[in-house]
Amino acid sequence: MEGMRLTALSSVGLLFFMACTTVPERAYFPPADRDETRVLATTLYRVASAAGDDPARYSFALIASRDVSAFTAEDATFYFSEGLARQPARVLDALVAHEVAHELLGHRGQRRALSLGLSAGFMVLGVVVPGASLLDLLVSPLIVRAYTRDQEIAADLKAADILGLMTYETPRRALAEALREAAKINGVPRGGWFATEPDLEDRLAALEPLEPLSEVARKPLDSAPK
């Protein structure tokens, strides 16, 4: 059964990887027998199942990077870094759940629609006010990136819900710990108007109040909940 799941994920992932014209730098399709592939395929299957979605429609590729990162692409396809694949189970569950949350919430399509709508609006405005359409080059990125930062918070909250469905007794705390672990490796994200993700402190504050400490929360990060 596990082998069938891996094959399905790998096949869909290969088709996307070949068809996609814009991919992250150093992205590649991993062999199905690699440890990272098996770990990520199993995690993605578990997360999608817990969220009530069909795991068969999900796929992924890898990025050759030590950073802990993930990106949501079209058609329920993700790019996961090698650094993410090497994280403890609790961190991996939480950050994969965050990406699945983006897909479930339709964030990529919403950003694209917003960007197209803004560009069309400035184009029409440029007909009435000559030169106004040039504002699109400055204003649209600011609005879209601010909207993207809001989506990150929404995906965090949705991911916490998914972790709860995966039997985590302290899902918000688990996600907060995962975000901190990622920041230790990646460094603190740079803020500002053009930032595509919120400050770490803003993301952690949005998860408050965290659940009370329990025996599950006191376990080491490399032990997943039973």
Protein backbone atom coordinates (compact mmCIF):
# COMPACT_ATOMS: atom_id res chain seq x y z
CA MET A 1 0.00 0.00 0.00
CA GLU A 2 2.78 2.43 0.92
CA GLY A 3 4.63 1.63 -2.28
CA MET A 4 1.50 2.35 -4.31
CA ARG A 5 1.16 5.76 -2.67
CA LEU A 6 4.78 6.63 -3.38
CA THR A 7 4.44 5.60 -7.01
CA ALA A 8 1.32 7.70 -7.49
CA LEU A 9 2.89 10.76 -5.91
CA SER A 10 6.11 10.34 -7.86
CA SER A 11 4.41 9.91 -11.23
CA VAL A 12 2.25 12.99 -10.84
CA GLY A 13 5.24 14.95 -9.55
CA LEU A 14 7.35 13.98 -12.58
CA LEU A 15 4.66 15.08 -15.02
CA PHE A 16 4.36 18.46 -13.34
CA PHE A 17 8.10 18.94 -13.12
CA MET A 18 8.49 18.34 -16.85
CA ALA A 19 5.58 20.59 -17.79
CA CYS A 20 6.31 23.52 -15.47
CA THR A 21 8.21 26.37 -17.07
CA THR A 22 9.11 28.23 -13.87
CA VAL A 23 10.55 26.25 -11.00
CA PRO A 24 12.60 27.23 -7.94
CA GLU A 25 16.35 27.36 -8.41
CA ARG A 26 18.06 23.97 -7.85
CA ALA A 27 14.74 22.10 -7.91
CA TYR A 28 14.78 18.49 -9.09
CA PHE A 29 12.63 15.38 -9.13
CA PRO A 30 13.93 12.93 -6.48
CA PRO A 31 14.23 9.17 -7.04
CA ALA A 32 11.41 7.26 -5.35
CA ASP A 33 13.81 5.09 -3.32
CA ARG A 34 15.54 7.98 -1.54
CA ASP A 35 14.94 8.41 2.17
CA GLU A 36 13.86 12.04 1.69
CA THR A 37 11.31 11.00 -0.94
CA ARG A 38 9.78 8.32 1.28
CA VAL A 39 9.64 10.59 4.32
CA LEU A 40 8.03 13.48 2.47
CA ALA A 41 5.58 11.24 0.56
CA THR A 42 4.44 9.60 3.79
CA THR A 43 4.13 12.94 5.59
CA LEU A 44 2.22 14.54 2.73
CA TYR A 45 -0.13 11.55 2.57
CA ARG A 46 -0.82 11.72 6.31
CA VAL A 47 -1.39 15.47 6.31
CA ALA A 48 -3.69 15.45 3.27
CA SER A 49 -5.69 12.53 4.68
CA ALA A 50 -6.10 14.24 8.05
CA ALA A 51 -7.29 17.40 6.27
CA GLY A 52 -9.97 15.37 4.48
CA ASP A 53 -8.45 15.84 1.03
CA ASP A 54 -7.49 13.22 -1.58
CA PRO A 55 -3.75 12.44 -1.15
CA ALA A 56 -3.57 11.07 -4.71
CA ARG A 57 -3.81 14.59 -6.16
CA TYR A 58 -0.75 15.81 -4.24
CA SER A 59 2.81 15.67 -5.50
CA PHE A 60 6.17 17.28 -4.82
CA ALA A 61 9.71 17.92 -6.01
CA LEU A 62 12.84 18.66 -3.99
CA ILE A 63 15.08 21.71 -3.80
CA ALA A 64 18.79 21.17 -3.22
CA SER A 65 19.14 23.43 -0.20
CA ARG A 66 19.96 23.11 3.49
CA ASP A 67 17.39 25.77 4.31
CA VAL A 68 14.09 24.66 5.79
CA SER A 69 11.66 25.85 3.14
CA ALA A 70 8.63 24.87 1.08
CA PHE A 71 6.69 26.43 -1.79
CA THR A 72 3.17 25.83 -3.05
CA ALA A 73 2.83 25.57 -6.83
CA GLU A 74 -0.07 24.82 -9.17
CA ASP A 75 -2.29 21.74 -8.99
CA ALA A 76 -1.51 20.70 -5.40
CA THR A 77 2.21 20.41 -6.12
CA PHE A 78 4.86 21.46 -3.66
CA TYR A 79 8.59 22.10 -3.63
CA PHE A 80 10.23 20.95 -0.40
CA SER A 81 13.86 21.64 0.48
CA GLU A 82 16.24 18.86 1.42
CA GLY A 83 16.72 20.69 4.71
CA LEU A 84 13.02 20.36 5.46
CA ALA A 85 13.07 16.63 4.70
CA ARG A 86 15.80 16.15 7.32
CA GLN A 87 13.86 17.81 10.13
CA PRO A 88 12.36 15.89 13.08
CA ALA A 89 8.90 14.45 12.52
CA ARG A 90 7.06 17.12 14.53
CA VAL A 91 8.70 19.94 12.56
CA LEU A 92 8.09 18.18 9.25
CA ASP A 93 4.43 17.52 10.04
CA ALA A 94 3.83 21.14 11.01
CA LEU A 95 5.51 22.76 8.01
CA VAL A 96 3.99 20.36 5.48
CA ALA A 97 0.60 21.04 7.08
CA HIS A 98 1.23 24.76 6.52
CA GLU A 99 1.74 24.20 2.78
CA VAL A 100 -1.29 21.93 2.51
CA ALA A 101 -3.26 24.68 4.25
CA HIS A 102 -2.27 27.12 1.49
CA GLU A 103 -3.64 24.66 -1.08
CA LEU A 104 -6.88 24.03 0.82
CA LEU A 105 -7.47 27.77 1.22
CA GLY A 106 -6.83 28.45 -2.47
CA HIS A 107 -4.20 31.07 -1.72
CA ARG A 108 -2.20 30.83 -4.93
CA GLY A 109 -5.26 31.38 -7.11
CA GLN A 110 -6.40 34.26 -4.93
CA ARG A 111 -3.03 36.02 -5.26
CA ARG A 112 -3.07 35.57 -9.01
CA ALA A 113 -6.61 36.96 -9.27
CA LEU A 114 -5.67 39.95 -7.09
CA SER A 115 -2.58 40.71 -9.16
CA LEU A 116 -4.50 40.49 -12.45
CA GLY A 117 -7.32 42.62 -11.06
CA LEU A 118 -4.94 45.33 -9.90
CA SER A 119 -3.10 45.40 -13.22
CA ALA A 120 -6.39 45.66 -15.13
CA GLY A 121 -7.57 48.46 -12.85
CA PHE A 122 -4.41 50.51 -13.32
CA MET A 123 -4.58 49.94 -17.06
CA VAL A 124 -8.11 51.39 -17.18
CA LEU A 125 -7.04 54.26 -14.93
CA GLY A 126 -4.17 54.98 -17.31
CA VAL A 127 -6.66 55.68 -20.08
CA VAL A 128 -8.26 58.44 -17.99
CA VAL A 129 -5.11 59.71 -16.27
CA PRO A 130 -2.10 59.36 -18.58
CA GLY A 131 0.82 57.78 -16.78
CA ALA A 132 -1.29 56.41 -13.93
CA SER A 133 -0.84 52.87 -15.19
CA LEU A 134 2.85 53.13 -14.25
CA LEU A 135 1.76 53.02 -10.61
CA ASP A 136 1.03 49.34 -11.19
CA LEU A 137 4.77 48.66 -11.13
CA LEU A 138 5.04 49.99 -7.56
CA VAL A 139 1.63 49.69 -5.93
CA SER A 140 0.58 46.21 -7.09
CA PRO A 141 3.63 44.41 -5.60
CA LEU A 142 3.05 46.20 -2.29
CA ILE A 143 -0.61 45.19 -2.14
CA VAL A 144 -0.03 41.60 -3.28
CA ARG A 145 2.81 41.05 -0.82
CA ALA A 146 0.81 42.50 2.05
CA TYR A 147 -2.00 40.14 1.06
CA THR A 148 0.51 37.27 0.94
CA ARG A 149 1.62 38.05 4.48
CA ASP A 150 -2.00 37.80 5.62
CA GLN A 151 -2.26 34.44 3.83
CA GLU A 152 0.73 33.14 5.78
CA ILE A 153 -1.08 33.84 9.04
CA ALA A 154 -4.26 32.20 7.75
CA ALA A 155 -2.28 29.15 6.64
CA ASP A 156 -0.65 28.90 10.07
CA LEU A 157 -4.06 28.82 11.77
CA LYS A 158 -5.38 26.26 9.28
CA ALA A 159 -2.23 24.15 9.74
CA ALA A 160 -2.82 24.11 13.49
CA ASP A 161 -6.31 22.76 12.83
CA ILE A 162 -4.84 20.04 10.61
CA LEU A 163 -2.30 19.07 13.26
CA GLY A 164 -5.16 18.73 15.71
CA LEU A 165 -6.82 16.29 13.32
CA MET A 166 -3.52 14.39 13.23
CA THR A 167 -3.96 13.77 16.98
CA TYR A 168 -1.51 16.43 18.16
CA GLU A 169 -2.67 17.40 21.63
CA THR A 170 -1.02 20.83 21.38
CA PRO A 171 -1.18 21.71 17.67
CA ARG A 172 -0.59 25.46 17.97
CA ARG A 173 2.40 24.89 20.21
CA ALA A 174 3.75 22.28 17.78
CA LEU A 175 3.53 24.73 14.88
CA ALA A 176 5.12 27.52 16.93
CA GLU A 177 8.02 25.22 17.80
CA ALA A 178 8.43 24.28 14.13
CA LEU A 179 8.54 27.94 13.07
CA ARG A 180 11.21 28.64 15.66
CA GLU A 181 13.28 25.64 14.55
CA ALA A 182 13.11 26.78 10.93
CA ALA A 183 14.17 30.31 11.93
CA LYS A 184 17.22 28.90 13.72
CA ILE A 185 18.43 27.44 10.42
CA ASN A 186 17.17 30.02 7.92
CA GLY A 187 17.65 33.11 10.02
CA VAL A 188 14.92 35.58 10.90
CA PRO A 189 12.96 36.69 7.80
CA ARG A 190 13.57 40.26 6.72
CA GLY A 191 10.53 42.44 7.18
CA GLY A 192 9.45 45.55 5.32
CA TRP A 193 6.79 46.49 2.81
CA PHE A 194 8.08 44.09 0.16
CA ALA A 195 8.38 41.08 2.50
CA THR A 196 6.35 38.05 1.41
CA GLU A 197 6.00 36.63 4.91
CA PRO A 198 5.26 38.21 8.29
CA ASP A 199 7.83 38.69 11.00
CA LEU A 200 8.31 35.56 13.08
CA GLU A 201 6.98 37.32 16.17
CA ASP A 202 3.80 38.28 14.32
CA ARG A 203 3.26 34.66 13.27
CA LEU A 204 3.83 33.40 16.79
CA ALA A 205 1.52 36.05 18.24
CA ALA A 206 -1.26 34.99 15.86
CA LEU A 207 -1.05 31.45 17.27
CA GLU A 208 -1.68 32.67 20.82
CA PRO A 209 -2.94 31.47 23.14
CA LEU A 210 -0.86 28.32 22.95
CA GLU A 211 -2.24 25.20 24.59
CA PRO A 212 -1.01 24.38 28.10
CA LEU A 213 2.08 22.20 28.28
CA SER A 214 1.28 18.49 28.29
CA GLU A 215 3.24 15.29 28.28
CA VAL A 216 3.10 15.28 24.48
CA ALA A 217 4.47 18.82 24.24
CA ARG A 218 7.36 17.96 26.59
CA LYS A 219 8.59 15.18 24.31
CA PRO A 220 11.71 15.84 22.19
CA LEU A 221 11.08 17.34 18.75
CA ASP A 222 12.15 14.10 17.05
CA SER A 223 9.28 12.11 18.55
CA ALA A 224 5.95 12.39 16.74
CA PRO A 225 2.69 11.89 18.61
CA LYS A 226 1.37 8.38 18.76
